[in-house]
Amino acid sequence: MPHTPRAKPPLDAGSLERLALRYVERFATSRGKLAAYLDRKIRERGWSGDAGPAPADIAERMAARGYVDDRLFAEARVRSMARRGLGARRVSMALRQDGIASDDAEDLAEAIEADAVASAITFARRRRLGPYAAEPADRELKHKQLSAFLRAGHSPQIALRILNMLPGEDPARLLEAGQA
């Protein structure tokens, strides 16, 4: 006889709180992401509690207890994205999607913007573009590479400066000159 998965019962206030605790113990998260997760679980399983569900309130309680810290989450996310060579626009967009307050997101994105050239150089090195390429790119390839820079959140000016460098050229001169 084939095994059929058993339907999970609808959520109530206690089970929603337990889901939230289990989620924050497993994942670093923000209040916005936690509330979105709980909303999704309510949509999937339904609600059987007396009062209406309050995912945002649960997320706030988790933050008050210290289980969720938006600022620490955002700082870690920014560091991770900077290591990958992503630009300020892409970082800002990710922070907004994670539900980080706009003032925190702007502060952290400004820090990335200050290192925009270094971040773009990191991106070029990881993707083997511009001075890290094996051979100069033709016009069509350079257009595709520019598109990749833009999707990664870098400014067109910085991207073009890097893409116009010849393979083997030292990109450190962009950092020393402070060109942005």
N, C-alpha and C. Protein backbone atom coordinates (compact mmCIF):
# COMPACT_ATOMS: atom_id res chain seq x y z
N MET A 1 0.84 -1.18 0.00
CA MET A 1 0.00 0.00 0.00
C MET A 1 0.89 1.24 0.00
N PRO A 2 0.69 2.17 -0.95
CA PRO A 2 1.55 3.36 -1.02
C PRO A 2 1.30 4.28 0.17
N HIS A 3 2.38 4.94 0.57
CA HIS A 3 2.32 5.88 1.69
C HIS A 3 1.79 7.22 1.21
N THR A 4 0.75 7.71 1.84
CA THR A 4 0.23 9.04 1.50
C THR A 4 0.57 9.97 2.65
N PRO A 5 1.12 11.12 2.35
CA PRO A 5 1.48 12.05 3.42
C PRO A 5 0.24 12.55 4.14
N ARG A 6 0.35 12.64 5.44
CA ARG A 6 -0.76 13.09 6.27
C ARG A 6 -0.84 14.61 6.21
N ALA A 7 -2.03 15.13 6.07
CA ALA A 7 -2.21 16.58 6.05
C ALA A 7 -1.92 17.14 7.43
N LYS A 8 -1.18 18.23 7.47
CA LYS A 8 -0.86 18.85 8.75
C LYS A 8 -2.05 19.65 9.23
N PRO A 9 -2.28 19.67 10.54
CA PRO A 9 -3.43 20.40 11.06
C PRO A 9 -3.25 21.91 10.91
N PRO A 10 -4.34 22.65 10.90
CA PRO A 10 -4.24 24.12 10.83
C PRO A 10 -3.49 24.67 12.04
N LEU A 11 -2.92 25.82 11.86
CA LEU A 11 -2.13 26.44 12.92
C LEU A 11 -3.02 27.18 13.92
N ASP A 12 -2.51 27.29 15.14
CA ASP A 12 -3.13 28.16 16.14
C ASP A 12 -2.00 29.01 16.72
N ALA A 13 -2.30 29.83 17.71
CA ALA A 13 -1.29 30.76 18.24
C ALA A 13 -0.07 30.02 18.79
N GLY A 14 -0.28 28.94 19.52
CA GLY A 14 0.84 28.19 20.10
C GLY A 14 1.72 27.55 19.05
N SER A 15 1.09 26.92 18.05
CA SER A 15 1.89 26.25 17.01
C SER A 15 2.62 27.28 16.14
N LEU A 16 2.02 28.44 15.94
CA LEU A 16 2.69 29.49 15.17
C LEU A 16 3.91 30.00 15.92
N GLU A 17 3.79 30.15 17.22
CA GLU A 17 4.92 30.58 18.05
C GLU A 17 6.04 29.53 18.01
N ARG A 18 5.67 28.25 18.07
CA ARG A 18 6.68 27.18 18.00
C ARG A 18 7.37 27.17 16.64
N LEU A 19 6.61 27.40 15.57
CA LEU A 19 7.22 27.48 14.23
C LEU A 19 8.24 28.62 14.18
N ALA A 20 7.87 29.76 14.75
CA ALA A 20 8.77 30.91 14.76
C ALA A 20 10.05 30.59 15.53
N LEU A 21 9.91 29.98 16.70
CA LEU A 21 11.10 29.62 17.49
C LEU A 21 11.99 28.65 16.74
N ARG A 22 11.40 27.66 16.11
CA ARG A 22 12.18 26.68 15.35
C ARG A 22 12.90 27.37 14.19
N TYR A 23 12.24 28.32 13.55
CA TYR A 23 12.84 29.02 12.41
C TYR A 23 14.03 29.88 12.86
N VAL A 24 13.86 30.64 13.95
CA VAL A 24 14.95 31.53 14.37
C VAL A 24 16.11 30.76 14.98
N GLU A 25 15.86 29.55 15.47
CA GLU A 25 16.99 28.77 15.98
C GLU A 25 17.80 28.16 14.85
N ARG A 26 17.19 28.00 13.69
CA ARG A 26 17.88 27.39 12.55
C ARG A 26 18.50 28.41 11.60
N PHE A 27 17.90 29.61 11.50
CA PHE A 27 18.33 30.57 10.49
C PHE A 27 18.53 31.96 11.08
N ALA A 28 19.56 32.65 10.60
CA ALA A 28 19.68 34.08 10.88
C ALA A 28 18.62 34.75 10.01
N THR A 29 17.87 35.66 10.60
CA THR A 29 16.75 36.23 9.85
C THR A 29 16.46 37.64 10.34
N SER A 30 15.58 38.30 9.63
CA SER A 30 15.10 39.63 10.03
C SER A 30 13.64 39.49 10.44
N ARG A 31 13.12 40.54 11.06
CA ARG A 31 11.70 40.51 11.45
C ARG A 31 10.81 40.36 10.22
N GLY A 32 11.15 41.06 9.15
CA GLY A 32 10.35 40.98 7.93
C GLY A 32 10.34 39.59 7.32
N LYS A 33 11.51 38.95 7.28
CA LYS A 33 11.58 37.59 6.72
C LYS A 33 10.83 36.60 7.60
N LEU A 34 10.94 36.76 8.92
CA LEU A 34 10.23 35.86 9.84
C LEU A 34 8.72 36.01 9.67
N ALA A 35 8.24 37.24 9.61
CA ALA A 35 6.80 37.48 9.43
C ALA A 35 6.32 36.91 8.10
N ALA A 36 7.11 37.05 7.04
CA ALA A 36 6.74 36.51 5.73
C ALA A 36 6.69 34.98 5.77
N TYR A 37 7.64 34.37 6.47
CA TYR A 37 7.65 32.91 6.63
C TYR A 37 6.38 32.45 7.34
N LEU A 38 6.04 33.13 8.43
CA LEU A 38 4.85 32.74 9.19
C LEU A 38 3.57 32.96 8.37
N ASP A 39 3.51 34.04 7.61
CA ASP A 39 2.37 34.27 6.70
C ASP A 39 2.22 33.13 5.71
N ARG A 40 3.34 32.70 5.15
CA ARG A 40 3.32 31.60 4.18
C ARG A 40 2.81 30.32 4.83
N LYS A 41 3.28 30.04 6.03
CA LYS A 41 2.83 28.83 6.74
C LYS A 41 1.33 28.89 7.03
N ILE A 42 0.82 30.06 7.37
CA ILE A 42 -0.61 30.20 7.62
C ILE A 42 -1.40 29.96 6.32
N ARG A 43 -0.90 30.49 5.21
CA ARG A 43 -1.56 30.25 3.91
C ARG A 43 -1.56 28.76 3.56
N GLU A 44 -0.43 28.08 3.83
CA GLU A 44 -0.31 26.67 3.48
C GLU A 44 -1.19 25.78 4.35
N ARG A 45 -1.24 26.05 5.64
CA ARG A 45 -1.90 25.13 6.57
C ARG A 45 -3.24 25.62 7.10
N GLY A 46 -3.52 26.89 6.95
CA GLY A 46 -4.78 27.43 7.46
C GLY A 46 -4.65 27.88 8.90
N TRP A 47 -5.73 28.46 9.42
CA TRP A 47 -5.71 29.02 10.77
C TRP A 47 -6.91 28.52 11.53
N SER A 48 -6.69 28.07 12.76
CA SER A 48 -7.80 27.59 13.58
C SER A 48 -7.84 28.27 14.94
N GLY A 49 -7.04 29.29 15.12
CA GLY A 49 -6.99 29.97 16.40
C GLY A 49 -8.23 30.83 16.64
N ASP A 50 -8.41 31.23 17.89
CA ASP A 50 -9.55 32.07 18.25
C ASP A 50 -9.42 33.46 17.64
N ALA A 51 -8.33 34.14 17.96
CA ALA A 51 -8.08 35.47 17.40
C ALA A 51 -7.37 35.30 16.05
N GLY A 52 -7.36 36.36 15.27
CA GLY A 52 -6.68 36.31 13.98
C GLY A 52 -5.18 36.13 14.16
N PRO A 53 -4.50 35.57 13.16
CA PRO A 53 -3.05 35.37 13.27
C PRO A 53 -2.32 36.71 13.29
N ALA A 54 -1.19 36.76 13.99
CA ALA A 54 -0.42 38.00 14.10
C ALA A 54 1.07 37.72 13.90
N PRO A 55 1.48 37.36 12.67
CA PRO A 55 2.89 37.07 12.43
C PRO A 55 3.82 38.24 12.75
N ALA A 56 3.39 39.46 12.47
CA ALA A 56 4.25 40.62 12.74
C ALA A 56 4.46 40.78 14.24
N ASP A 57 3.43 40.50 15.03
CA ASP A 57 3.58 40.59 16.49
C ASP A 57 4.55 39.54 17.02
N ILE A 58 4.47 38.34 16.46
CA ILE A 58 5.39 37.28 16.87
C ILE A 58 6.82 37.67 16.51
N ALA A 59 7.01 38.23 15.32
CA ALA A 59 8.35 38.66 14.89
C ALA A 59 8.87 39.75 15.84
N GLU A 60 8.02 40.66 16.25
CA GLU A 60 8.43 41.71 17.19
C GLU A 60 8.82 41.11 18.54
N ARG A 61 8.05 40.13 19.01
CA ARG A 61 8.39 39.48 20.28
C ARG A 61 9.74 38.76 20.19
N MET A 62 9.99 38.12 19.05
CA MET A 62 11.28 37.44 18.86
C MET A 62 12.42 38.45 18.88
N ALA A 63 12.19 39.61 18.30
CA ALA A 63 13.22 40.66 18.30
C ALA A 63 13.41 41.20 19.71
N ALA A 64 12.33 41.38 20.47
CA ALA A 64 12.43 41.88 21.84
C ALA A 64 13.19 40.90 22.73
N ARG A 65 13.06 39.62 22.45
CA ARG A 65 13.78 38.60 23.22
C ARG A 65 15.24 38.47 22.78
N GLY A 66 15.58 39.10 21.66
CA GLY A 66 16.95 39.04 21.17
C GLY A 66 17.21 37.89 20.20
N TYR A 67 16.16 37.19 19.80
CA TYR A 67 16.34 36.08 18.86
C TYR A 67 16.51 36.57 17.42
N VAL A 68 16.01 37.77 17.15
CA VAL A 68 16.09 38.37 15.82
C VAL A 68 16.68 39.76 15.99
N ASP A 69 17.71 40.07 15.21
CA ASP A 69 18.33 41.39 15.25
C ASP A 69 18.52 41.85 13.80
N ASP A 70 17.67 42.75 13.36
CA ASP A 70 17.70 43.20 11.97
C ASP A 70 19.05 43.82 11.60
N ARG A 71 19.61 44.62 12.49
CA ARG A 71 20.86 45.30 12.18
C ARG A 71 22.00 44.30 11.98
N LEU A 72 22.14 43.34 12.90
CA LEU A 72 23.20 42.32 12.76
C LEU A 72 22.99 41.47 11.51
N PHE A 73 21.73 41.11 11.25
CA PHE A 73 21.42 40.34 10.05
C PHE A 73 21.83 41.12 8.81
N ALA A 74 21.47 42.40 8.77
CA ALA A 74 21.77 43.23 7.60
C ALA A 74 23.28 43.41 7.42
N GLU A 75 24.00 43.61 8.51
CA GLU A 75 25.46 43.76 8.41
C GLU A 75 26.10 42.50 7.86
N ALA A 76 25.67 41.35 8.34
CA ALA A 76 26.21 40.08 7.83
C ALA A 76 25.87 39.91 6.35
N ARG A 77 24.65 40.28 5.98
CA ARG A 77 24.22 40.15 4.59
C ARG A 77 25.05 41.07 3.69
N VAL A 78 25.31 42.29 4.15
CA VAL A 78 26.10 43.24 3.38
C VAL A 78 27.53 42.71 3.21
N ARG A 79 28.12 42.21 4.29
CA ARG A 79 29.49 41.67 4.18
C ARG A 79 29.54 40.51 3.19
N SER A 80 28.56 39.64 3.25
CA SER A 80 28.52 38.50 2.35
C SER A 80 28.40 38.95 0.90
N MET A 81 27.52 39.90 0.65
CA MET A 81 27.33 40.38 -0.72
C MET A 81 28.54 41.16 -1.21
N ALA A 82 29.22 41.88 -0.32
CA ALA A 82 30.42 42.61 -0.71
C ALA A 82 31.54 41.64 -1.09
N ARG A 83 31.65 40.54 -0.35
CA ARG A 83 32.66 39.53 -0.69
C ARG A 83 32.42 38.95 -2.08
N ARG A 84 31.15 38.89 -2.47
CA ARG A 84 30.81 38.38 -3.80
C ARG A 84 30.98 39.44 -4.87
N GLY A 85 31.27 40.68 -4.48
CA GLY A 85 31.51 41.75 -5.44
C GLY A 85 30.25 42.41 -5.93
N LEU A 86 29.18 42.36 -5.16
CA LEU A 86 27.93 42.98 -5.60
C LEU A 86 27.91 44.46 -5.22
N GLY A 87 27.24 45.26 -6.03
CA GLY A 87 27.21 46.70 -5.85
C GLY A 87 26.13 47.18 -4.92
N ALA A 88 26.16 48.47 -4.63
CA ALA A 88 25.27 49.09 -3.64
C ALA A 88 23.80 48.96 -4.02
N ARG A 89 23.47 49.12 -5.30
CA ARG A 89 22.06 49.01 -5.69
C ARG A 89 21.52 47.61 -5.43
N ARG A 90 22.31 46.62 -5.75
CA ARG A 90 21.89 45.23 -5.54
C ARG A 90 21.76 44.94 -4.05
N VAL A 91 22.69 45.45 -3.25
CA VAL A 91 22.66 45.24 -1.80
C VAL A 91 21.42 45.92 -1.21
N SER A 92 21.16 47.15 -1.62
CA SER A 92 19.98 47.87 -1.12
C SER A 92 18.70 47.12 -1.44
N MET A 93 18.61 46.61 -2.65
CA MET A 93 17.43 45.87 -3.07
C MET A 93 17.25 44.61 -2.21
N ALA A 94 18.32 43.90 -1.96
CA ALA A 94 18.25 42.68 -1.14
C ALA A 94 17.82 43.01 0.28
N LEU A 95 18.34 44.10 0.82
CA LEU A 95 17.96 44.47 2.19
C LEU A 95 16.48 44.85 2.27
N ARG A 96 15.99 45.55 1.26
CA ARG A 96 14.56 45.87 1.24
C ARG A 96 13.72 44.61 1.18
N GLN A 97 14.14 43.65 0.37
CA GLN A 97 13.40 42.39 0.26
C GLN A 97 13.44 41.61 1.58
N ASP A 98 14.50 41.78 2.35
CA ASP A 98 14.62 41.10 3.64
C ASP A 98 13.85 41.81 4.73
N GLY A 99 13.23 42.94 4.41
CA GLY A 99 12.43 43.66 5.38
C GLY A 99 13.23 44.51 6.35
N ILE A 100 14.42 44.92 5.95
CA ILE A 100 15.25 45.77 6.78
C ILE A 100 14.74 47.21 6.68
N ALA A 101 14.67 47.90 7.81
CA ALA A 101 14.19 49.28 7.83
C ALA A 101 15.02 50.13 6.88
N SER A 102 14.38 51.08 6.22
CA SER A 102 15.04 51.85 5.17
C SER A 102 16.23 52.65 5.69
N ASP A 103 16.17 53.18 6.92
CA ASP A 103 17.32 53.94 7.42
C ASP A 103 18.53 53.04 7.64
N ASP A 104 18.34 51.84 8.16
CA ASP A 104 19.45 50.89 8.32
C ASP A 104 19.99 50.47 6.96
N ALA A 105 19.10 50.19 6.04
CA ALA A 105 19.51 49.76 4.70
C ALA A 105 20.31 50.85 4.01
N GLU A 106 19.89 52.10 4.14
CA GLU A 106 20.62 53.20 3.51
C GLU A 106 22.00 53.38 4.11
N ASP A 107 22.11 53.28 5.44
CA ASP A 107 23.42 53.40 6.10
C ASP A 107 24.38 52.34 5.59
N LEU A 108 23.90 51.11 5.52
CA LEU A 108 24.76 50.01 5.10
C LEU A 108 25.09 50.09 3.61
N ALA A 109 24.14 50.53 2.80
CA ALA A 109 24.40 50.67 1.36
C ALA A 109 25.41 51.78 1.11
N GLU A 110 25.38 52.83 1.93
CA GLU A 110 26.37 53.90 1.78
C GLU A 110 27.78 53.37 2.04
N ALA A 111 27.91 52.46 2.98
CA ALA A 111 29.22 51.85 3.25
C ALA A 111 29.71 51.08 2.04
N ILE A 112 28.80 50.39 1.36
CA ILE A 112 29.17 49.67 0.14
C ILE A 112 29.54 50.66 -0.96
N GLU A 113 28.77 51.74 -1.06
CA GLU A 113 29.02 52.76 -2.08
C GLU A 113 30.41 53.35 -1.93
N ALA A 114 30.88 53.49 -0.69
CA ALA A 114 32.22 54.03 -0.45
C ALA A 114 33.29 53.11 -1.02
N ASP A 115 33.02 51.83 -1.08
CA ASP A 115 33.97 50.86 -1.63
C ASP A 115 33.50 50.34 -2.99
N ALA A 116 32.83 51.19 -3.75
CA ALA A 116 32.23 50.76 -5.01
C ALA A 116 33.27 50.23 -6.00
N VAL A 117 34.40 50.90 -6.10
CA VAL A 117 35.43 50.46 -7.05
C VAL A 117 36.01 49.12 -6.62
N ALA A 118 36.30 48.98 -5.33
CA ALA A 118 36.85 47.72 -4.83
C ALA A 118 35.86 46.57 -5.03
N SER A 119 34.59 46.84 -4.80
CA SER A 119 33.56 45.83 -5.00
C SER A 119 33.47 45.43 -6.48
N ALA A 120 33.53 46.40 -7.36
CA ALA A 120 33.47 46.11 -8.80
C ALA A 120 34.70 45.33 -9.26
N ILE A 121 35.85 45.65 -8.70
CA ILE A 121 37.07 44.90 -9.04
C ILE A 121 36.95 43.45 -8.57
N THR A 122 36.39 43.28 -7.39
CA THR A 122 36.16 41.92 -6.88
C THR A 122 35.24 41.15 -7.82
N PHE A 123 34.18 41.81 -8.27
CA PHE A 123 33.25 41.18 -9.21
C PHE A 123 33.97 40.80 -10.50
N ALA A 124 34.79 41.70 -11.02
CA ALA A 124 35.52 41.43 -12.26
C ALA A 124 36.48 40.24 -12.08
N ARG A 125 37.16 40.20 -10.95
CA ARG A 125 38.10 39.10 -10.69
C ARG A 125 37.35 37.77 -10.61
N ARG A 126 36.23 37.75 -9.90
CA ARG A 126 35.45 36.51 -9.75
C ARG A 126 34.89 36.02 -11.09
N ARG A 127 34.50 36.96 -11.94
CA ARG A 127 33.90 36.60 -13.23
C ARG A 127 34.91 36.58 -14.37
N ARG A 128 36.17 36.91 -14.06
CA ARG A 128 37.26 36.96 -15.06
C ARG A 128 36.90 37.91 -16.21
N LEU A 129 36.63 39.16 -15.81
CA LEU A 129 36.28 40.21 -16.77
C LEU A 129 37.36 41.28 -16.79
N GLY A 130 37.41 42.04 -17.88
CA GLY A 130 38.34 43.16 -17.97
C GLY A 130 39.78 42.73 -17.80
N PRO A 131 40.47 43.27 -16.79
CA PRO A 131 41.89 42.95 -16.63
C PRO A 131 42.15 41.50 -16.20
N TYR A 132 41.12 40.79 -15.81
CA TYR A 132 41.27 39.40 -15.39
C TYR A 132 40.91 38.41 -16.49
N ALA A 133 40.51 38.91 -17.64
CA ALA A 133 40.13 38.05 -18.76
C ALA A 133 41.37 37.48 -19.43
N ALA A 134 41.19 36.37 -20.13
CA ALA A 134 42.31 35.75 -20.85
C ALA A 134 42.64 36.53 -22.11
N GLU A 135 41.64 37.14 -22.74
CA GLU A 135 41.85 37.93 -23.95
C GLU A 135 40.85 39.07 -23.98
N PRO A 136 41.14 40.13 -24.73
CA PRO A 136 40.22 41.26 -24.79
C PRO A 136 38.85 40.83 -25.34
N ALA A 137 37.81 41.44 -24.82
CA ALA A 137 36.45 41.11 -25.25
C ALA A 137 36.08 41.91 -26.49
N ASP A 138 35.35 41.26 -27.40
CA ASP A 138 34.83 41.99 -28.55
C ASP A 138 33.63 42.82 -28.10
N ARG A 139 33.07 43.59 -29.01
CA ARG A 139 32.01 44.53 -28.64
C ARG A 139 30.77 43.82 -28.06
N GLU A 140 30.37 42.72 -28.68
CA GLU A 140 29.18 42.00 -28.22
C GLU A 140 29.41 41.40 -26.83
N LEU A 141 30.56 40.81 -26.61
CA LEU A 141 30.88 40.22 -25.32
C LEU A 141 30.98 41.32 -24.25
N LYS A 142 31.59 42.44 -24.61
CA LYS A 142 31.70 43.54 -23.66
C LYS A 142 30.32 44.06 -23.24
N HIS A 143 29.38 44.08 -24.18
CA HIS A 143 28.01 44.49 -23.87
C HIS A 143 27.37 43.53 -22.86
N LYS A 144 27.59 42.23 -23.06
CA LYS A 144 27.07 41.23 -22.12
C LYS A 144 27.72 41.38 -20.74
N GLN A 145 29.02 41.65 -20.75
CA GLN A 145 29.73 41.82 -19.49
C GLN A 145 29.25 43.07 -18.75
N LEU A 146 28.99 44.13 -19.50
CA LEU A 146 28.45 45.35 -18.89
C LEU A 146 27.09 45.06 -18.26
N SER A 147 26.27 44.29 -18.96
CA SER A 147 24.96 43.92 -18.41
C SER A 147 25.12 43.14 -17.11
N ALA A 148 26.11 42.27 -17.03
CA ALA A 148 26.35 41.51 -15.81
C ALA A 148 26.74 42.45 -14.67
N PHE A 149 27.59 43.43 -14.96
CA PHE A 149 27.96 44.43 -13.94
C PHE A 149 26.72 45.18 -13.44
N LEU A 150 25.86 45.58 -14.37
CA LEU A 150 24.67 46.34 -13.99
C LEU A 150 23.71 45.49 -13.16
N ARG A 151 23.54 44.22 -13.53
CA ARG A 151 22.67 43.34 -12.74
C ARG A 151 23.24 43.13 -11.34
N ALA A 152 24.55 43.20 -11.22
CA ALA A 152 25.20 43.03 -9.92
C ALA A 152 25.13 44.31 -9.09
N GLY A 153 24.57 45.39 -9.64
CA GLY A 153 24.36 46.62 -8.89
C GLY A 153 25.46 47.64 -8.99
N HIS A 154 26.34 47.52 -9.97
CA HIS A 154 27.44 48.48 -10.13
C HIS A 154 27.05 49.59 -11.09
N SER A 155 27.70 50.73 -10.94
CA SER A 155 27.40 51.86 -11.83
C SER A 155 28.03 51.60 -13.20
N PRO A 156 27.40 52.11 -14.26
CA PRO A 156 27.96 51.90 -15.60
C PRO A 156 29.35 52.51 -15.76
N GLN A 157 29.60 53.66 -15.08
CA GLN A 157 30.90 54.31 -15.22
C GLN A 157 32.03 53.42 -14.70
N ILE A 158 31.84 52.88 -13.53
CA ILE A 158 32.87 52.01 -12.94
C ILE A 158 33.02 50.75 -13.79
N ALA A 159 31.90 50.17 -14.19
CA ALA A 159 31.95 48.94 -15.00
C ALA A 159 32.72 49.17 -16.29
N LEU A 160 32.43 50.27 -16.98
CA LEU A 160 33.12 50.54 -18.25
C LEU A 160 34.62 50.77 -18.04
N ARG A 161 34.98 51.45 -16.96
CA ARG A 161 36.41 51.66 -16.69
C ARG A 161 37.13 50.32 -16.52
N ILE A 162 36.49 49.40 -15.83
CA ILE A 162 37.11 48.09 -15.61
C ILE A 162 37.10 47.27 -16.90
N LEU A 163 35.99 47.28 -17.62
CA LEU A 163 35.90 46.49 -18.85
C LEU A 163 36.81 47.02 -19.95
N ASN A 164 37.16 48.31 -19.92
CA ASN A 164 38.05 48.87 -20.93
C ASN A 164 39.52 48.61 -20.63
N MET A 165 39.79 48.01 -19.48
CA MET A 165 41.18 47.67 -19.15
C MET A 165 41.57 46.43 -19.95
N LEU A 166 42.83 46.37 -20.31
CA LEU A 166 43.34 45.22 -21.07
C LEU A 166 43.66 44.08 -20.11
N PRO A 167 43.56 42.84 -20.62
CA PRO A 167 43.93 41.70 -19.77
C PRO A 167 45.35 41.85 -19.24
N GLY A 168 45.51 41.60 -17.96
CA GLY A 168 46.82 41.71 -17.32
C GLY A 168 47.11 43.09 -16.75
N GLU A 169 46.32 44.09 -17.13
CA GLU A 169 46.51 45.45 -16.60
C GLU A 169 46.17 45.45 -15.10
N ASP A 170 46.83 46.30 -14.34
CA ASP A 170 46.65 46.32 -12.90
C ASP A 170 45.44 47.19 -12.53
N PRO A 171 44.36 46.58 -12.01
CA PRO A 171 43.19 47.37 -11.64
C PRO A 171 43.38 48.18 -10.38
N ALA A 172 44.46 47.98 -9.67
CA ALA A 172 44.72 48.72 -8.44
C ALA A 172 44.86 50.21 -8.71
N ARG A 173 45.23 50.57 -9.93
CA ARG A 173 45.36 51.99 -10.25
C ARG A 173 44.03 52.72 -10.14
N LEU A 174 42.93 52.00 -10.36
CA LEU A 174 41.60 52.60 -10.17
C LEU A 174 41.36 52.93 -8.70
N LEU A 175 41.82 52.05 -7.83
CA LEU A 175 41.67 52.27 -6.39
C LEU A 175 42.56 53.43 -5.92
N GLU A 176 43.80 53.44 -6.40
CA GLU A 176 44.75 54.48 -5.98
C GLU A 176 44.30 55.85 -6.45
N ALA A 177 43.78 55.91 -7.66
CA ALA A 177 43.35 57.20 -8.21
C ALA A 177 42.02 57.63 -7.60
N GLY A 178 41.32 56.68 -6.95
CA GLY A 178 40.05 57.02 -6.34
C GLY A 178 38.98 57.34 -7.37
N GLN A 179 39.13 56.76 -8.55
CA GLN A 179 38.16 57.02 -9.62
C GLN A 179 36.90 56.24 -9.35
N ALA A 180 35.79 56.91 -9.53
CA ALA A 180 34.50 56.22 -9.33
C ALA A 180 33.56 56.55 -10.45
